[in-house]
Amino acid sequence: MTRVTVNHNISGLKNFRTPKIVGMPRALKFFGFLVINVVVALIGTAIVDSTIGKVFPAHSLVTVLWKEWILSIVSAVFIGFGMWRTWRSDAAKWTWVLPAVWFGIRFFLAIGSGAVWSQFCGTGCANGIRSIECLNFFVFTIPFIRSVSYSLGAYVSSLVQAAHSPLRQWCRLRPARNY
């Protein structure tokens, strides 16, 4: 946080100085956009998954897991790509951070219980939908996968935009030709 002094002319008092805090509103705006992007990454992807998922019926645990992994990754990438193009906020590229912390805390707590991979990849759902392994997959892994995919989509979108930026500037600067 940076402090800057601002000169005011109040009632004839010249050079009256008051401290102005710079950077805090920008950080709050970034954090607000970060939270909004996390909500879009998780809820938006779930809406798209449930809509598209009806087209691909799953009749076994393996197909349910594959469908969840693939649809979560693909739809989150496309949503992240589109949301960065819409808002152009760098917070979209950092959406993975909050769910990664959420996942990381649970992951480190689960290390002592053994069979960590089956708890977080979804294969533990074979023990039942209410088992701790299945809950870990849907409550911790899926939000993490969706947010990482969303951030990747936003990052790719920013690269695509940056690649087209010099071309757009060149098109604006050159004179129009009348043929």
C-alpha atoms as a PDB file:
ATOM      1  CA  MET A   1       0.000   0.000   0.000  1.00  0.00           C
ATOM      2  CA  THR A   2       1.457   3.343  -1.040  1.00  0.00           C
ATOM      3  CA  ARG A   3       0.800   6.639   0.665  1.00  0.00           C
ATOM      4  CA  VAL A   4       0.651   9.745  -1.447  1.00  0.00           C
ATOM      5  CA  THR A   5       0.103  13.275  -0.209  1.00  0.00           C
ATOM      6  CA  VAL A   6      -2.448  15.377  -2.033  1.00  0.00           C
ATOM      7  CA  ASN A   7      -2.327  19.160  -1.972  1.00  0.00           C
ATOM      8  CA  HIS A   8      -5.668  20.897  -1.416  1.00  0.00           C
ATOM      9  CA  ASN A   9      -6.622  24.537  -1.406  1.00  0.00           C
ATOM     10  CA  ILE A  10      -9.219  24.678   1.373  1.00  0.00           C
ATOM     11  CA  SER A  11     -10.549  28.089   2.356  1.00  0.00           C
ATOM     12  CA  GLY A  12      -7.430  29.843   1.251  1.00  0.00           C
ATOM     13  CA  LEU A  13      -5.079  27.469   3.065  1.00  0.00           C
ATOM     14  CA  LYS A  14      -2.509  26.645   0.454  1.00  0.00           C
ATOM     15  CA  ASN A  15      -0.612  23.395   0.482  1.00  0.00           C
ATOM     16  CA  PHE A  16      -2.888  21.718   3.006  1.00  0.00           C
ATOM     17  CA  ARG A  17      -1.800  18.059   2.799  1.00  0.00           C
ATOM     18  CA  THR A  18      -3.921  14.978   3.399  1.00  0.00           C
ATOM     19  CA  PRO A  19      -2.766  11.392   2.983  1.00  0.00           C
ATOM     20  CA  LYS A  20      -4.419   9.441   0.177  1.00  0.00           C
ATOM     21  CA  ILE A  21      -4.144   5.674   0.098  1.00  0.00           C
ATOM     22  CA  VAL A  22      -3.389   4.423  -3.405  1.00  0.00           C
ATOM     23  CA  GLY A  23      -3.565   0.788  -4.399  1.00  0.00           C
ATOM     24  CA  MET A  24      -6.238  -0.405  -2.009  1.00  0.00           C
ATOM     25  CA  PRO A  25      -9.196   0.207  -4.351  1.00  0.00           C
ATOM     26  CA  ARG A  26      -7.285  -1.528  -7.146  1.00  0.00           C
ATOM     27  CA  ALA A  27      -6.578  -4.548  -4.934  1.00  0.00           C
ATOM     28  CA  LEU A  28     -10.213  -4.707  -3.830  1.00  0.00           C
ATOM     29  CA  LYS A  29     -11.358  -4.502  -7.447  1.00  0.00           C
ATOM     30  CA  PHE A  30      -8.980  -7.332  -8.399  1.00  0.00           C
ATOM     31  CA  PHE A  31     -10.153  -9.483  -5.470  1.00  0.00           C
ATOM     32  CA  GLY A  32     -13.782  -8.782  -6.370  1.00  0.00           C
ATOM     33  CA  PHE A  33     -13.164  -9.830  -9.968  1.00  0.00           C
ATOM     34  CA  LEU A  34     -11.284 -12.886  -8.687  1.00  0.00           C
ATOM     35  CA  VAL A  35     -14.265 -13.997  -6.592  1.00  0.00           C
ATOM     36  CA  ILE A  36     -16.664 -13.348  -9.486  1.00  0.00           C
ATOM     37  CA  ASN A  37     -14.461 -15.376 -11.829  1.00  0.00           C
ATOM     38  CA  VAL A  38     -14.304 -18.264  -9.340  1.00  0.00           C
ATOM     39  CA  VAL A  39     -18.106 -18.281  -9.125  1.00  0.00           C
ATOM     40  CA  VAL A  40     -18.404 -18.199 -12.919  1.00  0.00           C
ATOM     41  CA  ALA A  41     -15.787 -20.946 -13.267  1.00  0.00           C
ATOM     42  CA  LEU A  42     -17.552 -23.252 -10.825  1.00  0.00           C
ATOM     43  CA  ILE A  43     -21.249 -22.497 -11.321  1.00  0.00           C
ATOM     44  CA  GLY A  44     -21.056 -21.681 -15.043  1.00  0.00           C
ATOM     45  CA  THR A  45     -19.184 -24.870 -15.761  1.00  0.00           C
ATOM     46  CA  ALA A  46     -21.674 -26.882 -13.714  1.00  0.00           C
ATOM     47  CA  ILE A  47     -24.561 -25.401 -15.724  1.00  0.00           C
ATOM     48  CA  VAL A  48     -22.864 -26.179 -19.035  1.00  0.00           C
ATOM     49  CA  ASP A  49     -21.874 -29.664 -17.813  1.00  0.00           C
ATOM     50  CA  SER A  50     -25.402 -30.533 -16.744  1.00  0.00           C
ATOM     51  CA  THR A  51     -26.842 -29.237 -20.022  1.00  0.00           C
ATOM     52  CA  ILE A  52     -24.372 -30.950 -22.346  1.00  0.00           C
ATOM     53  CA  GLY A  53     -24.115 -33.991 -20.071  1.00  0.00           C
ATOM     54  CA  LYS A  54     -27.711 -34.951 -20.870  1.00  0.00           C
ATOM     55  CA  VAL A  55     -26.630 -35.696 -24.436  1.00  0.00           C
ATOM     56  CA  PHE A  56     -24.097 -38.284 -23.231  1.00  0.00           C
ATOM     57  CA  PRO A  57     -25.807 -40.743 -20.877  1.00  0.00           C
ATOM     58  CA  ALA A  58     -23.520 -42.458 -18.385  1.00  0.00           C
ATOM     59  CA  HIS A  59     -24.456 -45.912 -17.180  1.00  0.00           C
ATOM     60  CA  SER A  60     -21.405 -46.868 -15.161  1.00  0.00           C
ATOM     61  CA  LEU A  61     -19.066 -45.265 -12.667  1.00  0.00           C
ATOM     62  CA  VAL A  62     -16.242 -45.131 -15.185  1.00  0.00           C
ATOM     63  CA  THR A  63     -18.338 -43.246 -17.746  1.00  0.00           C
ATOM     64  CA  VAL A  64     -19.641 -40.850 -15.096  1.00  0.00           C
ATOM     65  CA  LEU A  65     -16.075 -40.039 -14.054  1.00  0.00           C
ATOM     66  CA  TRP A  66     -14.793 -39.661 -17.619  1.00  0.00           C
ATOM     67  CA  LYS A  67     -17.761 -37.488 -18.512  1.00  0.00           C
ATOM     68  CA  GLU A  68     -17.220 -35.289 -15.452  1.00  0.00           C
ATOM     69  CA  TRP A  69     -13.482 -34.878 -16.104  1.00  0.00           C
ATOM     70  CA  ILE A  70     -13.825 -34.170 -19.823  1.00  0.00           C
ATOM     71  CA  LEU A  71     -16.866 -31.890 -19.663  1.00  0.00           C
ATOM     72  CA  SER A  72     -15.438 -29.949 -16.711  1.00  0.00           C
ATOM     73  CA  ILE A  73     -12.149 -29.329 -18.481  1.00  0.00           C
ATOM     74  CA  VAL A  74     -13.545 -28.508 -21.921  1.00  0.00           C
ATOM     75  CA  SER A  75     -16.426 -26.304 -20.806  1.00  0.00           C
ATOM     76  CA  ALA A  76     -14.285 -24.428 -18.261  1.00  0.00           C
ATOM     77  CA  VAL A  77     -11.633 -23.702 -20.907  1.00  0.00           C
ATOM     78  CA  PHE A  78     -14.241 -22.262 -23.280  1.00  0.00           C
ATOM     79  CA  ILE A  79     -15.964 -20.265 -20.529  1.00  0.00           C
ATOM     80  CA  GLY A  80     -12.619 -18.867 -19.336  1.00  0.00           C
ATOM     81  CA  PHE A  81     -11.670 -17.987 -22.918  1.00  0.00           C
ATOM     82  CA  GLY A  82     -14.948 -16.132 -23.421  1.00  0.00           C
ATOM     83  CA  MET A  83     -14.968 -14.399 -20.054  1.00  0.00           C
ATOM     84  CA  TRP A  84     -11.475 -12.984 -20.529  1.00  0.00           C
ATOM     85  CA  ARG A  85     -12.529 -11.619 -23.925  1.00  0.00           C
ATOM     86  CA  THR A  86     -15.619 -10.100 -22.294  1.00  0.00           C
ATOM     87  CA  TRP A  87     -14.100  -8.498 -19.166  1.00  0.00           C
ATOM     88  CA  ARG A  88     -10.378  -8.364 -20.040  1.00  0.00           C
ATOM     89  CA  SER A  89      -9.548  -8.753 -16.376  1.00  0.00           C
ATOM     90  CA  ASP A  90      -6.272 -10.358 -15.307  1.00  0.00           C
ATOM     91  CA  ALA A  91      -8.160 -11.863 -12.377  1.00  0.00           C
ATOM     92  CA  ALA A  92      -9.528 -14.485 -14.794  1.00  0.00           C
ATOM     93  CA  LYS A  93      -5.999 -15.830 -15.235  1.00  0.00           C
ATOM     94  CA  TRP A  94      -5.630 -16.145 -11.446  1.00  0.00           C
ATOM     95  CA  THR A  95      -8.964 -17.897 -10.824  1.00  0.00           C
ATOM     96  CA  TRP A  96      -7.168 -21.140  -9.992  1.00  0.00           C
ATOM     97  CA  VAL A  97      -5.583 -19.740  -6.805  1.00  0.00           C
ATOM     98  CA  LEU A  98      -8.538 -19.860  -4.384  1.00  0.00           C
ATOM     99  CA  PRO A  99      -9.707 -23.373  -5.378  1.00  0.00           C
ATOM    100  CA  ALA A 100      -6.064 -24.534  -5.319  1.00  0.00           C
ATOM    101  CA  VAL A 101      -5.781 -23.421  -1.706  1.00  0.00           C
ATOM    102  CA  TRP A 102      -9.096 -25.173  -0.964  1.00  0.00           C
ATOM    103  CA  PHE A 103      -7.846 -28.362  -2.648  1.00  0.00           C
ATOM    104  CA  GLY A 104      -4.371 -28.139  -1.109  1.00  0.00           C
ATOM    105  CA  ILE A 105      -5.646 -27.896   2.447  1.00  0.00           C
ATOM    106  CA  ARG A 106      -7.799 -31.003   2.032  1.00  0.00           C
ATOM    107  CA  PHE A 107      -5.051 -32.840   0.155  1.00  0.00           C
ATOM    108  CA  PHE A 108      -2.510 -32.336   2.940  1.00  0.00           C
ATOM    109  CA  LEU A 109      -5.053 -33.367   5.568  1.00  0.00           C
ATOM    110  CA  ALA A 110      -5.769 -36.559   3.591  1.00  0.00           C
ATOM    111  CA  ILE A 111      -2.137 -37.599   3.157  1.00  0.00           C
ATOM    112  CA  GLY A 112      -2.095 -39.468   6.452  1.00  0.00           C
ATOM    113  CA  SER A 113      -5.162 -41.548   5.607  1.00  0.00           C
ATOM    114  CA  GLY A 114      -3.498 -43.326   2.661  1.00  0.00           C
ATOM    115  CA  ALA A 115      -4.750 -43.979  -0.863  1.00  0.00           C
ATOM    116  CA  VAL A 116      -4.708 -40.279  -1.663  1.00  0.00           C
ATOM    117  CA  TRP A 117      -5.016 -40.803  -5.411  1.00  0.00           C
ATOM    118  CA  SER A 118      -8.291 -42.723  -5.128  1.00  0.00           C
ATOM    119  CA  GLN A 119      -9.696 -40.033  -2.843  1.00  0.00           C
ATOM    120  CA  PHE A 120      -9.177 -37.231  -5.319  1.00  0.00           C
ATOM    121  CA  CYS A 121      -9.453 -38.791  -8.801  1.00  0.00           C
ATOM    122  CA  GLY A 122     -12.957 -40.186  -8.349  1.00  0.00           C
ATOM    123  CA  THR A 123     -12.256 -43.916  -8.256  1.00  0.00           C
ATOM    124  CA  GLY A 124     -13.182 -43.889  -4.569  1.00  0.00           C
ATOM    125  CA  CYS A 125     -16.783 -43.376  -5.660  1.00  0.00           C
ATOM    126  CA  ALA A 126     -16.898 -47.153  -6.160  1.00  0.00           C
ATOM    127  CA  ASN A 127     -17.363 -47.292  -2.364  1.00  0.00           C
ATOM    128  CA  GLY A 128     -20.593 -45.320  -2.726  1.00  0.00           C
ATOM    129  CA  ILE A 129     -21.598 -41.781  -3.522  1.00  0.00           C
ATOM    130  CA  ARG A 130     -21.545 -40.811   0.167  1.00  0.00           C
ATOM    131  CA  SER A 131     -18.056 -42.151   0.852  1.00  0.00           C
ATOM    132  CA  ILE A 132     -15.360 -39.682   1.866  1.00  0.00           C
ATOM    133  CA  GLU A 133     -13.388 -40.499  -1.278  1.00  0.00           C
ATOM    134  CA  CYS A 134     -16.295 -39.568  -3.520  1.00  0.00           C
ATOM    135  CA  LEU A 135     -17.023 -36.404  -1.530  1.00  0.00           C
ATOM    136  CA  ASN A 136     -13.367 -35.369  -1.800  1.00  0.00           C
ATOM    137  CA  PHE A 137     -13.574 -35.775  -5.564  1.00  0.00           C
ATOM    138  CA  PHE A 138     -16.726 -33.702  -6.054  1.00  0.00           C
ATOM    139  CA  VAL A 139     -16.097 -31.084  -3.352  1.00  0.00           C
ATOM    140  CA  PHE A 140     -12.345 -30.511  -3.773  1.00  0.00           C
ATOM    141  CA  THR A 141     -11.034 -31.958  -7.059  1.00  0.00           C
ATOM    142  CA  ILE A 142     -13.772 -30.831  -9.441  1.00  0.00           C
ATOM    143  CA  PRO A 143     -13.639 -27.154  -8.339  1.00  0.00           C
ATOM    144  CA  PHE A 144      -9.840 -27.275  -8.660  1.00  0.00           C
ATOM    145  CA  ILE A 145      -9.973 -28.819 -12.157  1.00  0.00           C
ATOM    146  CA  ARG A 146     -12.623 -26.348 -13.311  1.00  0.00           C
ATOM    147  CA  SER A 147     -10.739 -23.319 -12.023  1.00  0.00           C
ATOM    148  CA  VAL A 148      -7.406 -24.415 -13.512  1.00  0.00           C
ATOM    149  CA  SER A 149      -9.100 -25.055 -16.869  1.00  0.00           C
ATOM    150  CA  TYR A 150     -10.925 -21.708 -16.683  1.00  0.00           C
ATOM    151  CA  SER A 151      -7.647 -19.902 -15.966  1.00  0.00           C
ATOM    152  CA  LEU A 152      -5.953 -21.740 -18.819  1.00  0.00           C
ATOM    153  CA  GLY A 153      -8.737 -20.651 -21.184  1.00  0.00           C
ATOM    154  CA  ALA A 154      -8.389 -17.043 -20.001  1.00  0.00           C
ATOM    155  CA  TYR A 155      -4.625 -17.186 -20.451  1.00  0.00           C
ATOM    156  CA  VAL A 156      -4.930 -18.546 -23.991  1.00  0.00           C
ATOM    157  CA  SER A 157      -7.483 -15.847 -24.766  1.00  0.00           C
ATOM    158  CA  SER A 158      -5.103 -13.159 -23.547  1.00  0.00           C
ATOM    159  CA  LEU A 159      -2.347 -14.625 -25.751  1.00  0.00           C
ATOM    160  CA  VAL A 160      -4.654 -14.637 -28.765  1.00  0.00           C
ATOM    161  CA  GLN A 161      -5.627 -11.039 -28.061  1.00  0.00           C
ATOM    162  CA  ALA A 162      -1.977 -10.003 -27.675  1.00  0.00           C
ATOM    163  CA  ALA A 163      -1.068 -11.722 -30.943  1.00  0.00           C
ATOM    164  CA  HIS A 164      -3.747  -9.785 -32.824  1.00  0.00           C
ATOM    165  CA  SER A 165      -2.999  -6.475 -31.131  1.00  0.00           C
ATOM    166  CA  PRO A 166      -0.039  -5.394 -33.371  1.00  0.00           C
ATOM    167  CA  LEU A 167      -2.061  -6.246 -36.479  1.00  0.00           C
ATOM    168  CA  ARG A 168      -4.978  -4.117 -35.276  1.00  0.00           C
ATOM    169  CA  GLN A 169      -2.676  -1.195 -34.513  1.00  0.00           C
ATOM    170  CA  TRP A 170      -1.081  -1.470 -37.946  1.00  0.00           C
ATOM    171  CA  CYS A 171      -4.521  -1.509 -39.606  1.00  0.00           C
ATOM    172  CA  ARG A 172      -5.527   1.644 -37.718  1.00  0.00           C
ATOM    173  CA  LEU A 173      -2.309   3.531 -38.520  1.00  0.00           C
ATOM    174  CA  ARG A 174      -2.048   2.888 -42.234  1.00  0.00           C
ATOM    175  CA  PRO A 175      -4.005   5.207 -44.522  1.00  0.00           C
ATOM    176  CA  ALA A 176      -7.071   3.863 -46.227  1.00  0.00           C
ATOM    177  CA  ARG A 177      -6.735   3.299 -49.936  1.00  0.00           C
ATOM    178  CA  ASN A 178      -9.478   4.171 -52.326  1.00  0.00           C
ATOM    179  CA  TYR A 179      -9.434   1.907 -55.338  1.00  0.00           C
END
